[in-house]
Amino acid sequence: MKFIASIVILKCAVLITVFPDNYAREARPVSRHASWGYVYHASKLSGEYLARTIPRFDVICVSGFTLDAAGRVRIARTGIINAVRTISAGQSKILYPMVTFQSAAAGRRILGSARLSAAAAGSIANLVSRNGYAGVHLDFEYLPPEDAPLLARFLKMLRKSLKGKITMAVFPPVGFPEKWSGFHDLKLIAPLVDEIVIMCYDLHGVHTGPGPVTDTGWAEKNIEYALRLMKPDRIWLGIPAYGYRWCGAAIRTISSKQGARMAKQYSSTRHRSGTLYLRWIDDGTRCEAYISDKQTRLQLEKISSRHGLAGIALWRLGFDD
């Protein structure tokens, strides 16, 4: 998933907390067309906001779970993880922990060793079992395409250990840098996971010049590619509630909420990509922004629904307008 504009390495102690078994060991079926919401563990979301917002979603996925270089799950010490658990249990939501590698180097080390891969699979299975999650959501990013077979080996190990669903965030296979998307080889992944979330965002961002963060036509091409390999009810369309602002060479993340306020202040149009486009002059510097606002997300949701997908997955709560 996108921890925008920087890579954060969490250094925290191992903490496995046992909670009442409020979540089904097997993920409950969700209604079509469903919604999935991501919660970033370090975001400053109030309990009131979470209590008001979580009921809108069928699936809640919270970050803050990392695999260290020894294959052990480490959990961030933030109160938001427990708050999400408590509220989700009260709302009978499907809840997944989002597990990432502590770093790309740690990920390569784990996947390159059968012993460490088995240890990591066991750690994830233990996390899910002890806390009664419906399964796990894997967010393994920025590993090279040549490691794709090692990822497949790990998923096979995890399947044997885990009681629950394996879901995974994947980079778009079409129109995205192959040096990143190649690791998520759907031909290898599709038979080994229950569901995927196609992260149809960051089409433009820190790795490019100015341009739309997403594009409705681009999203549709990626859906069509995935449908060749997976049934639609196993695919979620990941949609952004943010965009980027460029002022000269400087780039900054803009939430949809911020974009809605900026649209009242600066010149705005609807870009052909479906995103909101803003432009202005700031202290003599030309600025522009492409933002996935409420209208952009509605277009993407319609595309997802038209293809019969499981639903849309929003990155992330607190960014949306």
C-alpha atoms as a PDB file:
ATOM      1  CA  MET A   1       0.000   0.000   0.000  1.00  0.00           C
ATOM      2  CA  LYS A   2       1.179   3.601  -0.383  1.00  0.00           C
ATOM      3  CA  PHE A   3       3.015   5.143   2.544  1.00  0.00           C
ATOM      4  CA  ILE A   4       3.277   8.264   0.455  1.00  0.00           C
ATOM      5  CA  ALA A   5       6.587   9.918  -0.477  1.00  0.00           C
ATOM      6  CA  SER A   6       8.702   8.093   2.098  1.00  0.00           C
ATOM      7  CA  ILE A   7       9.558   4.630   3.316  1.00  0.00           C
ATOM      8  CA  VAL A   8       8.989   4.231   7.015  1.00  0.00           C
ATOM      9  CA  ILE A   9      10.803   1.441   8.848  1.00  0.00           C
ATOM     10  CA  LEU A  10       9.055   0.667  12.083  1.00  0.00           C
ATOM     11  CA  LYS A  11      11.256  -0.313  15.034  1.00  0.00           C
ATOM     12  CA  CYS A  12       9.097  -1.782  17.736  1.00  0.00           C
ATOM     13  CA  ALA A  13       8.926  -4.791  19.986  1.00  0.00           C
ATOM     14  CA  VAL A  14       7.060  -7.955  19.192  1.00  0.00           C
ATOM     15  CA  LEU A  15       3.611  -7.713  20.656  1.00  0.00           C
ATOM     16  CA  ILE A  16       0.948 -10.357  20.071  1.00  0.00           C
ATOM     17  CA  THR A  17      -2.219  -9.376  21.888  1.00  0.00           C
ATOM     18  CA  VAL A  18      -4.998 -11.854  22.458  1.00  0.00           C
ATOM     19  CA  PHE A  19      -8.498 -10.500  21.998  1.00  0.00           C
ATOM     20  CA  PRO A  20     -11.909 -12.125  22.350  1.00  0.00           C
ATOM     21  CA  ASP A  21     -12.768 -14.203  19.337  1.00  0.00           C
ATOM     22  CA  ASN A  22     -15.049 -11.613  17.738  1.00  0.00           C
ATOM     23  CA  TYR A  23     -14.052 -12.369  14.175  1.00  0.00           C
ATOM     24  CA  ALA A  24     -14.914 -15.471  12.188  1.00  0.00           C
ATOM     25  CA  ARG A  25     -11.991 -17.748  11.382  1.00  0.00           C
ATOM     26  CA  GLU A  26     -13.360 -17.907   7.860  1.00  0.00           C
ATOM     27  CA  ALA A  27     -14.175 -14.548   6.295  1.00  0.00           C
ATOM     28  CA  ARG A  28     -17.883 -13.946   6.099  1.00  0.00           C
ATOM     29  CA  PRO A  29     -19.294 -13.371   2.603  1.00  0.00           C
ATOM     30  CA  VAL A  30     -19.861  -9.737   1.687  1.00  0.00           C
ATOM     31  CA  SER A  31     -22.621  -8.218  -0.347  1.00  0.00           C
ATOM     32  CA  ARG A  32     -22.039  -7.232  -3.950  1.00  0.00           C
ATOM     33  CA  HIS A  33     -20.951  -4.498  -4.633  1.00  0.00           C
ATOM     34  CA  ALA A  34     -18.945  -4.202  -1.398  1.00  0.00           C
ATOM     35  CA  SER A  35     -16.548  -1.645   0.031  1.00  0.00           C
ATOM     36  CA  TRP A  36     -13.176  -2.112   1.688  1.00  0.00           C
ATOM     37  CA  GLY A  37     -11.514   0.575   3.792  1.00  0.00           C
ATOM     38  CA  TYR A  38      -7.848   0.838   4.696  1.00  0.00           C
ATOM     39  CA  VAL A  39      -6.805   2.363   8.022  1.00  0.00           C
ATOM     40  CA  TYR A  40      -3.225   3.556   8.344  1.00  0.00           C
ATOM     41  CA  HIS A  41      -2.061   2.743  11.866  1.00  0.00           C
ATOM     42  CA  ALA A  42      -0.123   6.000  12.345  1.00  0.00           C
ATOM     43  CA  SER A  43      -2.888   8.306  11.145  1.00  0.00           C
ATOM     44  CA  LYS A  44      -4.510  10.686  13.602  1.00  0.00           C
ATOM     45  CA  LEU A  45      -8.108   9.503  13.390  1.00  0.00           C
ATOM     46  CA  SER A  46     -10.362  10.045  16.371  1.00  0.00           C
ATOM     47  CA  GLY A  47     -12.487   7.310  17.887  1.00  0.00           C
ATOM     48  CA  GLU A  48     -15.518   9.377  16.938  1.00  0.00           C
ATOM     49  CA  TYR A  49     -14.438   9.460  13.294  1.00  0.00           C
ATOM     50  CA  LEU A  50     -13.796   5.708  13.240  1.00  0.00           C
ATOM     51  CA  ALA A  51     -17.116   4.925  14.895  1.00  0.00           C
ATOM     52  CA  ARG A  52     -18.881   7.072  12.317  1.00  0.00           C
ATOM     53  CA  THR A  53     -16.934   5.837   9.280  1.00  0.00           C
ATOM     54  CA  ILE A  54     -16.307   2.112   9.794  1.00  0.00           C
ATOM     55  CA  PRO A  55     -20.025   1.198   9.426  1.00  0.00           C
ATOM     56  CA  ARG A  56     -19.823   2.373   5.795  1.00  0.00           C
ATOM     57  CA  PHE A  57     -17.459  -0.486   4.904  1.00  0.00           C
ATOM     58  CA  ASP A  58     -17.851  -4.256   4.648  1.00  0.00           C
ATOM     59  CA  VAL A  59     -14.121  -4.955   5.085  1.00  0.00           C
ATOM     60  CA  ILE A  60     -11.657  -3.064   7.262  1.00  0.00           C
ATOM     61  CA  CYS A  61      -7.910  -3.546   6.852  1.00  0.00           C
ATOM     62  CA  VAL A  62      -5.514  -1.933   9.318  1.00  0.00           C
ATOM     63  CA  SER A  63      -1.770  -1.502   8.823  1.00  0.00           C
ATOM     64  CA  GLY A  64       0.987  -1.618  11.420  1.00  0.00           C
ATOM     65  CA  PHE A  65       2.053  -5.287  11.130  1.00  0.00           C
ATOM     66  CA  THR A  66       5.562  -5.905   9.778  1.00  0.00           C
ATOM     67  CA  LEU A  67       7.763  -8.927   9.198  1.00  0.00           C
ATOM     68  CA  ASP A  68      11.319  -8.396  10.392  1.00  0.00           C
ATOM     69  CA  ALA A  69      14.349 -10.015   8.779  1.00  0.00           C
ATOM     70  CA  ALA A  70      13.904 -13.104  10.992  1.00  0.00           C
ATOM     71  CA  GLY A  71      10.317 -13.638   9.820  1.00  0.00           C
ATOM     72  CA  ARG A  72       8.721 -12.446  13.068  1.00  0.00           C
ATOM     73  CA  VAL A  73       5.577 -10.310  13.087  1.00  0.00           C
ATOM     74  CA  ARG A  74       6.072  -6.979  14.829  1.00  0.00           C
ATOM     75  CA  ILE A  75       3.121  -4.782  15.716  1.00  0.00           C
ATOM     76  CA  ALA A  76       3.236  -1.008  15.902  1.00  0.00           C
ATOM     77  CA  ARG A  77       2.425   0.396  19.307  1.00  0.00           C
ATOM     78  CA  THR A  78      -0.467   2.640  18.311  1.00  0.00           C
ATOM     79  CA  GLY A  79      -3.866   2.819  19.927  1.00  0.00           C
ATOM     80  CA  ILE A  80      -5.614   3.000  16.575  1.00  0.00           C
ATOM     81  CA  ILE A  81      -5.143  -0.740  15.964  1.00  0.00           C
ATOM     82  CA  ASN A  82      -7.072  -1.644  19.109  1.00  0.00           C
ATOM     83  CA  ALA A  83      -9.686   1.049  18.411  1.00  0.00           C
ATOM     84  CA  VAL A  84     -10.311  -0.375  14.940  1.00  0.00           C
ATOM     85  CA  ARG A  85     -10.598  -3.883  16.380  1.00  0.00           C
ATOM     86  CA  THR A  86     -13.115  -2.841  19.004  1.00  0.00           C
ATOM     87  CA  ILE A  87     -15.314  -0.845  16.636  1.00  0.00           C
ATOM     88  CA  SER A  88     -15.119  -3.446  13.847  1.00  0.00           C
ATOM     89  CA  ALA A  89     -16.117  -6.230  16.239  1.00  0.00           C
ATOM     90  CA  GLY A  90     -19.124  -4.225  17.348  1.00  0.00           C
ATOM     91  CA  GLN A  91     -20.105  -3.706  13.718  1.00  0.00           C
ATOM     92  CA  SER A  92     -19.447  -7.361  12.712  1.00  0.00           C
ATOM     93  CA  LYS A  93     -16.989  -6.341  10.014  1.00  0.00           C
ATOM     94  CA  ILE A  94     -14.498  -8.537   8.202  1.00  0.00           C
ATOM     95  CA  LEU A  95     -11.140  -7.436   9.612  1.00  0.00           C
ATOM     96  CA  TYR A  96      -7.709  -8.080   8.175  1.00  0.00           C
ATOM     97  CA  PRO A  97      -4.266  -7.088   9.487  1.00  0.00           C
ATOM     98  CA  MET A  98      -2.130  -5.660   6.701  1.00  0.00           C
ATOM     99  CA  VAL A  99       1.286  -7.334   6.857  1.00  0.00           C
ATOM    100  CA  THR A 100       4.289  -5.734   5.165  1.00  0.00           C
ATOM    101  CA  PHE A 101       8.005  -6.399   5.105  1.00  0.00           C
ATOM    102  CA  GLN A 102      10.005  -4.213   7.481  1.00  0.00           C
ATOM    103  CA  SER A 103      12.109  -3.290   4.462  1.00  0.00           C
ATOM    104  CA  ALA A 104      12.674  -4.504   0.915  1.00  0.00           C
ATOM    105  CA  ALA A 105      15.967  -6.040   2.089  1.00  0.00           C
ATOM    106  CA  ALA A 106      14.152  -7.956   4.840  1.00  0.00           C
ATOM    107  CA  GLY A 107      11.614  -9.172   2.295  1.00  0.00           C
ATOM    108  CA  ARG A 108      14.276 -10.473  -0.053  1.00  0.00           C
ATOM    109  CA  ARG A 109      16.025 -12.212   2.824  1.00  0.00           C
ATOM    110  CA  ILE A 110      12.826 -13.928   3.947  1.00  0.00           C
ATOM    111  CA  LEU A 111      11.692 -14.993   0.492  1.00  0.00           C
ATOM    112  CA  GLY A 112      15.161 -16.181  -0.453  1.00  0.00           C
ATOM    113  CA  SER A 113      15.276 -18.644   2.454  1.00  0.00           C
ATOM    114  CA  ALA A 114      12.895 -21.588   2.758  1.00  0.00           C
ATOM    115  CA  ARG A 115      13.521 -21.609   6.507  1.00  0.00           C
ATOM    116  CA  LEU A 116      12.710 -17.924   6.968  1.00  0.00           C
ATOM    117  CA  SER A 117       9.715 -18.162   4.645  1.00  0.00           C
ATOM    118  CA  ALA A 118       8.324 -20.983   6.771  1.00  0.00           C
ATOM    119  CA  ALA A 119       8.967 -18.932   9.925  1.00  0.00           C
ATOM    120  CA  ALA A 120       7.180 -15.907   8.449  1.00  0.00           C
ATOM    121  CA  ALA A 121       4.217 -18.023   7.336  1.00  0.00           C
ATOM    122  CA  GLY A 122       3.969 -19.480  10.832  1.00  0.00           C
ATOM    123  CA  SER A 123       4.148 -16.019  12.428  1.00  0.00           C
ATOM    124  CA  ILE A 124       1.318 -14.742  10.252  1.00  0.00           C
ATOM    125  CA  ALA A 125      -0.796 -17.824  10.900  1.00  0.00           C
ATOM    126  CA  ASN A 126      -0.233 -17.388  14.633  1.00  0.00           C
ATOM    127  CA  LEU A 127      -1.223 -13.705  14.467  1.00  0.00           C
ATOM    128  CA  VAL A 128      -4.462 -14.554  12.664  1.00  0.00           C
ATOM    129  CA  SER A 129      -5.311 -17.543  14.873  1.00  0.00           C
ATOM    130  CA  ARG A 130      -4.619 -15.885  18.226  1.00  0.00           C
ATOM    131  CA  ASN A 131      -6.559 -12.734  17.363  1.00  0.00           C
ATOM    132  CA  GLY A 132      -9.412 -14.297  15.422  1.00  0.00           C
ATOM    133  CA  TYR A 133      -8.875 -12.321  12.203  1.00  0.00           C
ATOM    134  CA  ALA A 134     -10.716 -13.421   9.083  1.00  0.00           C
ATOM    135  CA  GLY A 135      -7.401 -13.867   7.305  1.00  0.00           C
ATOM    136  CA  VAL A 136      -4.496 -11.664   6.291  1.00  0.00           C
ATOM    137  CA  HIS A 137      -3.819  -8.931   3.767  1.00  0.00           C
ATOM    138  CA  LEU A 138      -0.294  -8.990   2.349  1.00  0.00           C
ATOM    139  CA  ASP A 139       1.281  -5.772   1.109  1.00  0.00           C
ATOM    140  CA  PHE A 140       4.684  -6.765  -0.225  1.00  0.00           C
ATOM    141  CA  GLU A 141       6.078  -4.019  -2.447  1.00  0.00           C
ATOM    142  CA  TYR A 142       9.163  -2.914  -4.374  1.00  0.00           C
ATOM    143  CA  LEU A 143      10.773  -6.319  -4.738  1.00  0.00           C
ATOM    144  CA  PRO A 144      12.276  -7.280  -8.124  1.00  0.00           C
ATOM    145  CA  PRO A 145      10.430  -9.347 -10.743  1.00  0.00           C
ATOM    146  CA  GLU A 146      12.952 -12.177 -10.416  1.00  0.00           C
ATOM    147  CA  ASP A 147      11.640 -12.810  -6.887  1.00  0.00           C
ATOM    148  CA  ALA A 148       8.127 -13.609  -8.142  1.00  0.00           C
ATOM    149  CA  PRO A 149       8.696 -17.419  -7.959  1.00  0.00           C
ATOM    150  CA  LEU A 150       9.921 -17.003  -4.371  1.00  0.00           C
ATOM    151  CA  LEU A 151       6.731 -15.134  -3.535  1.00  0.00           C
ATOM    152  CA  ALA A 152       4.741 -18.045  -4.981  1.00  0.00           C
ATOM    153  CA  ARG A 153       6.701 -20.471  -2.786  1.00  0.00           C
ATOM    154  CA  PHE A 154       5.931 -18.363   0.279  1.00  0.00           C
ATOM    155  CA  LEU A 155       2.214 -18.216  -0.555  1.00  0.00           C
ATOM    156  CA  LYS A 156       2.097 -22.003  -0.805  1.00  0.00           C
ATOM    157  CA  MET A 157       3.659 -22.256   2.658  1.00  0.00           C
ATOM    158  CA  LEU A 158       1.222 -19.699   4.045  1.00  0.00           C
ATOM    159  CA  ARG A 159      -1.727 -21.586   2.571  1.00  0.00           C
ATOM    160  CA  LYS A 160      -0.724 -24.695   4.516  1.00  0.00           C
ATOM    161  CA  SER A 161      -0.388 -22.767   7.783  1.00  0.00           C
ATOM    162  CA  LEU A 162      -3.174 -20.217   7.696  1.00  0.00           C
ATOM    163  CA  LYS A 163      -6.780 -20.758   8.700  1.00  0.00           C
ATOM    164  CA  GLY A 164      -8.493 -17.924   6.884  1.00  0.00           C
ATOM    165  CA  LYS A 165      -8.290 -15.977   3.648  1.00  0.00           C
ATOM    166  CA  ILE A 166      -5.121 -14.829   1.943  1.00  0.00           C
ATOM    167  CA  THR A 167      -5.665 -11.457   0.309  1.00  0.00           C
ATOM    168  CA  MET A 168      -2.966  -9.427  -1.362  1.00  0.00           C
ATOM    169  CA  ALA A 169      -2.385  -5.905  -2.665  1.00  0.00           C
ATOM    170  CA  VAL A 170      -0.834  -5.928  -6.149  1.00  0.00           C
ATOM    171  CA  PHE A 171       0.570  -3.265  -8.407  1.00  0.00           C
ATOM    172  CA  PRO A 172      -1.312  -2.722 -11.680  1.00  0.00           C
ATOM    173  CA  PRO A 173      -0.023  -5.168 -14.299  1.00  0.00           C
ATOM    174  CA  VAL A 174      -0.755  -2.759 -17.176  1.00  0.00           C
ATOM    175  CA  GLY A 175       0.832   0.653 -17.621  1.00  0.00           C
ATOM    176  CA  PHE A 176       2.916   0.607 -14.447  1.00  0.00           C
ATOM    177  CA  PRO A 177       6.706   0.216 -14.058  1.00  0.00           C
ATOM    178  CA  GLU A 178       7.462  -3.466 -14.615  1.00  0.00           C
ATOM    179  CA  LYS A 179      10.371  -3.272 -12.176  1.00  0.00           C
ATOM    180  CA  TRP A 180       7.680  -3.075  -9.461  1.00  0.00           C
ATOM    181  CA  SER A 181       4.618  -4.764 -10.965  1.00  0.00           C
ATOM    182  CA  GLY A 182       6.582  -7.788 -12.217  1.00  0.00           C
ATOM    183  CA  PHE A 183       6.976  -9.080  -8.668  1.00  0.00           C
ATOM    184  CA  HIS A 184       3.185  -9.383  -8.492  1.00  0.00           C
ATOM    185  CA  ASP A 185       2.945 -11.861 -11.361  1.00  0.00           C
ATOM    186  CA  LEU A 186      -0.776 -12.651 -11.461  1.00  0.00           C
ATOM    187  CA  LYS A 187      -0.155 -15.830 -13.424  1.00  0.00           C
ATOM    188  CA  LEU A 188       1.692 -17.145 -10.371  1.00  0.00           C
ATOM    189  CA  ILE A 189      -0.335 -15.408  -7.660  1.00  0.00           C
ATOM    190  CA  ALA A 190      -3.888 -16.035  -8.863  1.00  0.00           C
ATOM    191  CA  PRO A 191      -4.060 -19.753  -7.921  1.00  0.00           C
ATOM    192  CA  LEU A 192      -2.494 -19.115  -4.508  1.00  0.00           C
ATOM    193  CA  VAL A 193      -4.556 -16.279  -3.024  1.00  0.00           C
ATOM    194  CA  ASP A 194      -8.249 -15.862  -2.342  1.00  0.00           C
ATOM    195  CA  GLU A 195      -8.546 -12.219  -3.371  1.00  0.00           C
ATOM    196  CA  ILE A 196      -6.438  -9.365  -4.695  1.00  0.00           C
ATOM    197  CA  VAL A 197      -6.677  -5.593  -4.486  1.00  0.00           C
ATOM    198  CA  ILE A 198      -5.346  -3.944  -7.658  1.00  0.00           C
ATOM    199  CA  MET A 199      -3.769  -0.694  -6.470  1.00  0.00           C
ATOM    200  CA  CYS A 200      -4.904   1.569  -9.320  1.00  0.00           C
ATOM    201  CA  TYR A 201      -3.130   4.632  -8.067  1.00  0.00           C
ATOM    202  CA  ASP A 202       0.265   6.335  -8.307  1.00  0.00           C
ATOM    203  CA  LEU A 203       0.091   6.270 -12.083  1.00  0.00           C
ATOM    204  CA  HIS A 204       1.962   9.534 -11.593  1.00  0.00           C
ATOM    205  CA  GLY A 205       3.727  10.475  -8.392  1.00  0.00           C
ATOM    206  CA  VAL A 206       7.205  10.716  -6.921  1.00  0.00           C
ATOM    207  CA  HIS A 207       8.575   8.498  -9.716  1.00  0.00           C
ATOM    208  CA  THR A 208       7.249  10.680 -12.565  1.00  0.00           C
ATOM    209  CA  GLY A 209       6.561  14.237 -13.576  1.00  0.00           C
ATOM    210  CA  PRO A 210       3.138  15.880 -13.124  1.00  0.00           C
ATOM    211  CA  GLY A 211       0.119  13.828 -14.125  1.00  0.00           C
ATOM    212  CA  PRO A 212      -3.014  12.102 -12.811  1.00  0.00           C
ATOM    213  CA  VAL A 213      -2.692   9.814  -9.783  1.00  0.00           C
ATOM    214  CA  THR A 214      -5.200   7.465 -11.422  1.00  0.00           C
ATOM    215  CA  ASP A 215      -7.071   7.168 -14.702  1.00  0.00           C
ATOM    216  CA  THR A 216     -10.427   5.530 -15.359  1.00  0.00           C
ATOM    217  CA  GLY A 217      -9.330   4.061 -18.691  1.00  0.00           C
ATOM    218  CA  TRP A 218      -6.137   2.730 -17.138  1.00  0.00           C
ATOM    219  CA  ALA A 219      -8.084   1.141 -14.295  1.00  0.00           C
ATOM    220  CA  GLU A 220     -10.373  -0.582 -16.776  1.00  0.00           C
ATOM    221  CA  LYS A 221      -7.437  -2.044 -18.717  1.00  0.00           C
ATOM    222  CA  ASN A 222      -6.036  -3.497 -15.513  1.00  0.00           C
ATOM    223  CA  ILE A 223      -9.386  -4.982 -14.553  1.00  0.00           C
ATOM    224  CA  GLU A 224      -9.679  -6.611 -17.960  1.00  0.00           C
ATOM    225  CA  TYR A 225      -6.191  -8.099 -17.611  1.00  0.00           C
ATOM    226  CA  ALA A 226      -6.917  -9.508 -14.151  1.00  0.00           C
ATOM    227  CA  LEU A 227     -10.224 -10.990 -15.335  1.00  0.00           C
ATOM    228  CA  ARG A 228      -8.311 -13.246 -17.719  1.00  0.00           C
ATOM    229  CA  LEU A 229      -6.798 -14.973 -14.700  1.00  0.00           C
ATOM    230  CA  MET A 230      -9.303 -14.591 -11.857  1.00  0.00           C
ATOM    231  CA  LYS A 231     -13.034 -14.556 -11.337  1.00  0.00           C
ATOM    232  CA  PRO A 232     -14.449 -11.066 -10.758  1.00  0.00           C
ATOM    233  CA  ASP A 233     -15.626 -11.773  -7.219  1.00  0.00           C
ATOM    234  CA  ARG A 234     -11.983 -12.349  -6.208  1.00  0.00           C
ATOM    235  CA  ILE A 235     -10.851  -8.911  -7.426  1.00  0.00           C
ATOM    236  CA  TRP A 236     -11.125  -5.587  -5.607  1.00  0.00           C
ATOM    237  CA  LEU A 237     -10.385  -2.305  -7.340  1.00  0.00           C
ATOM    238  CA  GLY A 238      -8.065  -0.180  -5.195  1.00  0.00           C
ATOM    239  CA  ILE A 239      -8.977   3.498  -5.520  1.00  0.00           C
ATOM    240  CA  PRO A 240      -7.179   6.557  -4.123  1.00  0.00           C
ATOM    241  CA  ALA A 241      -8.587   9.332  -1.957  1.00  0.00           C
ATOM    242  CA  TYR A 242      -5.608  11.568  -2.673  1.00  0.00           C
ATOM    243  CA  GLY A 243      -3.466  13.058  -5.388  1.00  0.00           C
ATOM    244  CA  TYR A 244      -0.248  14.997  -5.816  1.00  0.00           C
ATOM    245  CA  ARG A 245       0.659  18.661  -6.053  1.00  0.00           C
ATOM    246  CA  TRP A 246       3.651  19.827  -8.069  1.00  0.00           C
ATOM    247  CA  CYS A 247       5.109  23.294  -7.541  1.00  0.00           C
ATOM    248  CA  GLY A 248       8.090  23.421  -9.851  1.00  0.00           C
ATOM    249  CA  ALA A 249      10.048  20.259  -9.044  1.00  0.00           C
ATOM    250  CA  ALA A 250       8.620  19.933  -5.528  1.00  0.00           C
ATOM    251  CA  ILE A 251       5.901  17.314  -5.023  1.00  0.00           C
ATOM    252  CA  ARG A 252       3.520  16.859  -2.107  1.00  0.00           C
ATOM    253  CA  THR A 253       0.607  14.566  -1.321  1.00  0.00           C
ATOM    254  CA  ILE A 254      -2.825  16.176  -1.279  1.00  0.00           C
ATOM    255  CA  SER A 255      -5.778  14.379   0.302  1.00  0.00           C
ATOM    256  CA  SER A 256      -9.149  14.519  -1.417  1.00  0.00           C
ATOM    257  CA  LYS A 257     -10.379  16.517   1.555  1.00  0.00           C
ATOM    258  CA  GLN A 258      -7.656  19.128   0.992  1.00  0.00           C
ATOM    259  CA  GLY A 259      -8.331  19.062  -2.746  1.00  0.00           C
ATOM    260  CA  ALA A 260     -12.000  19.899  -2.226  1.00  0.00           C
ATOM    261  CA  ARG A 261     -10.984  22.998  -0.274  1.00  0.00           C
ATOM    262  CA  MET A 262      -8.372  23.983  -2.856  1.00  0.00           C
ATOM    263  CA  ALA A 263     -10.908  23.671  -5.688  1.00  0.00           C
ATOM    264  CA  LYS A 264     -12.816  26.583  -4.157  1.00  0.00           C
ATOM    265  CA  GLN A 265      -9.681  28.717  -4.187  1.00  0.00           C
ATOM    266  CA  TYR A 266      -7.971  27.900  -7.484  1.00  0.00           C
ATOM    267  CA  SER A 267      -8.906  27.278 -11.094  1.00  0.00           C
ATOM    268  CA  SER A 268     -10.143  23.694 -11.483  1.00  0.00           C
ATOM    269  CA  THR A 269     -11.296  21.449 -14.320  1.00  0.00           C
ATOM    270  CA  ARG A 270     -12.106  17.776 -14.802  1.00  0.00           C
ATOM    271  CA  HIS A 271      -9.130  16.062 -16.427  1.00  0.00           C
ATOM    272  CA  ARG A 272      -9.707  13.421 -19.111  1.00  0.00           C
ATOM    273  CA  SER A 273      -8.345  10.837 -16.648  1.00  0.00           C
ATOM    274  CA  GLY A 274     -11.355  11.521 -14.420  1.00  0.00           C
ATOM    275  CA  THR A 275      -9.288  13.310 -11.772  1.00  0.00           C
ATOM    276  CA  LEU A 276      -9.761  16.863 -10.552  1.00  0.00           C
ATOM    277  CA  TYR A 277      -7.113  19.143 -12.062  1.00  0.00           C
ATOM    278  CA  LEU A 278      -6.021  22.364 -10.327  1.00  0.00           C
ATOM    279  CA  ARG A 279      -3.532  25.000 -11.400  1.00  0.00           C
ATOM    280  CA  TRP A 280      -2.281  28.208  -9.815  1.00  0.00           C
ATOM    281  CA  ILE A 281       0.748  30.407  -9.249  1.00  0.00           C
ATOM    282  CA  ASP A 282       2.394  30.325  -5.820  1.00  0.00           C
ATOM    283  CA  ASP A 283       4.961  33.070  -5.211  1.00  0.00           C
ATOM    284  CA  GLY A 284       5.845  33.115  -8.889  1.00  0.00           C
ATOM    285  CA  THR A 285       6.035  29.313  -9.197  1.00  0.00           C
ATOM    286  CA  ARG A 286       3.617  27.432 -11.447  1.00  0.00           C
ATOM    287  CA  CYS A 287       1.715  24.795  -9.463  1.00  0.00           C
ATOM    288  CA  GLU A 288      -0.654  22.039 -10.541  1.00  0.00           C
ATOM    289  CA  ALA A 289      -2.427  19.159  -8.840  1.00  0.00           C
ATOM    290  CA  TYR A 290      -4.280  16.030  -9.947  1.00  0.00           C
ATOM    291  CA  ILE A 291      -6.601  14.682  -7.258  1.00  0.00           C
ATOM    292  CA  SER A 292      -8.861  11.650  -7.048  1.00  0.00           C
ATOM    293  CA  ASP A 293     -11.904  13.325  -5.525  1.00  0.00           C
ATOM    294  CA  LYS A 294     -15.397  12.069  -4.786  1.00  0.00           C
ATOM    295  CA  GLN A 295     -16.413  12.279  -8.465  1.00  0.00           C
ATOM    296  CA  THR A 296     -13.312  10.374  -9.595  1.00  0.00           C
ATOM    297  CA  ARG A 297     -14.004   7.619  -7.093  1.00  0.00           C
ATOM    298  CA  LEU A 298     -17.642   7.399  -8.170  1.00  0.00           C
ATOM    299  CA  GLN A 299     -16.512   6.825 -11.772  1.00  0.00           C
ATOM    300  CA  LEU A 300     -14.106   4.109 -10.650  1.00  0.00           C
ATOM    301  CA  GLU A 301     -16.774   2.460  -8.522  1.00  0.00           C
ATOM    302  CA  LYS A 302     -19.115   2.330 -11.512  1.00  0.00           C
ATOM    303  CA  ILE A 303     -16.405   0.649 -13.596  1.00  0.00           C
ATOM    304  CA  SER A 304     -15.797  -1.874 -10.836  1.00  0.00           C
ATOM    305  CA  SER A 305     -19.499  -2.604 -10.544  1.00  0.00           C
ATOM    306  CA  ARG A 306     -19.938  -2.939 -14.301  1.00  0.00           C
ATOM    307  CA  HIS A 307     -17.276  -5.656 -14.365  1.00  0.00           C
ATOM    308  CA  GLY A 308     -18.870  -7.461 -11.410  1.00  0.00           C
ATOM    309  CA  LEU A 309     -15.871  -7.114  -9.119  1.00  0.00           C
ATOM    310  CA  ALA A 310     -16.049  -7.844  -5.394  1.00  0.00           C
ATOM    311  CA  GLY A 311     -15.976  -4.118  -4.734  1.00  0.00           C
ATOM    312  CA  ILE A 312     -13.771  -1.084  -4.283  1.00  0.00           C
ATOM    313  CA  ALA A 313     -10.949  -0.705  -1.755  1.00  0.00           C
ATOM    314  CA  LEU A 314     -10.288   2.845  -0.542  1.00  0.00           C
ATOM    315  CA  TRP A 315      -6.785   4.042   0.345  1.00  0.00           C
ATOM    316  CA  ARG A 316      -7.274   5.474   2.901  1.00  0.00           C
ATOM    317  CA  LEU A 317      -9.718   6.481   5.627  1.00  0.00           C
ATOM    318  CA  GLY A 318      -9.262  10.088   6.660  1.00  0.00           C
ATOM    319  CA  PHE A 319      -8.163  11.205   3.190  1.00  0.00           C
ATOM    320  CA  ASP A 320     -11.614  11.090   1.613  1.00  0.00           C
ATOM    321  CA  ASP A 321     -13.760  14.165   1.045  1.00  0.00           C
END
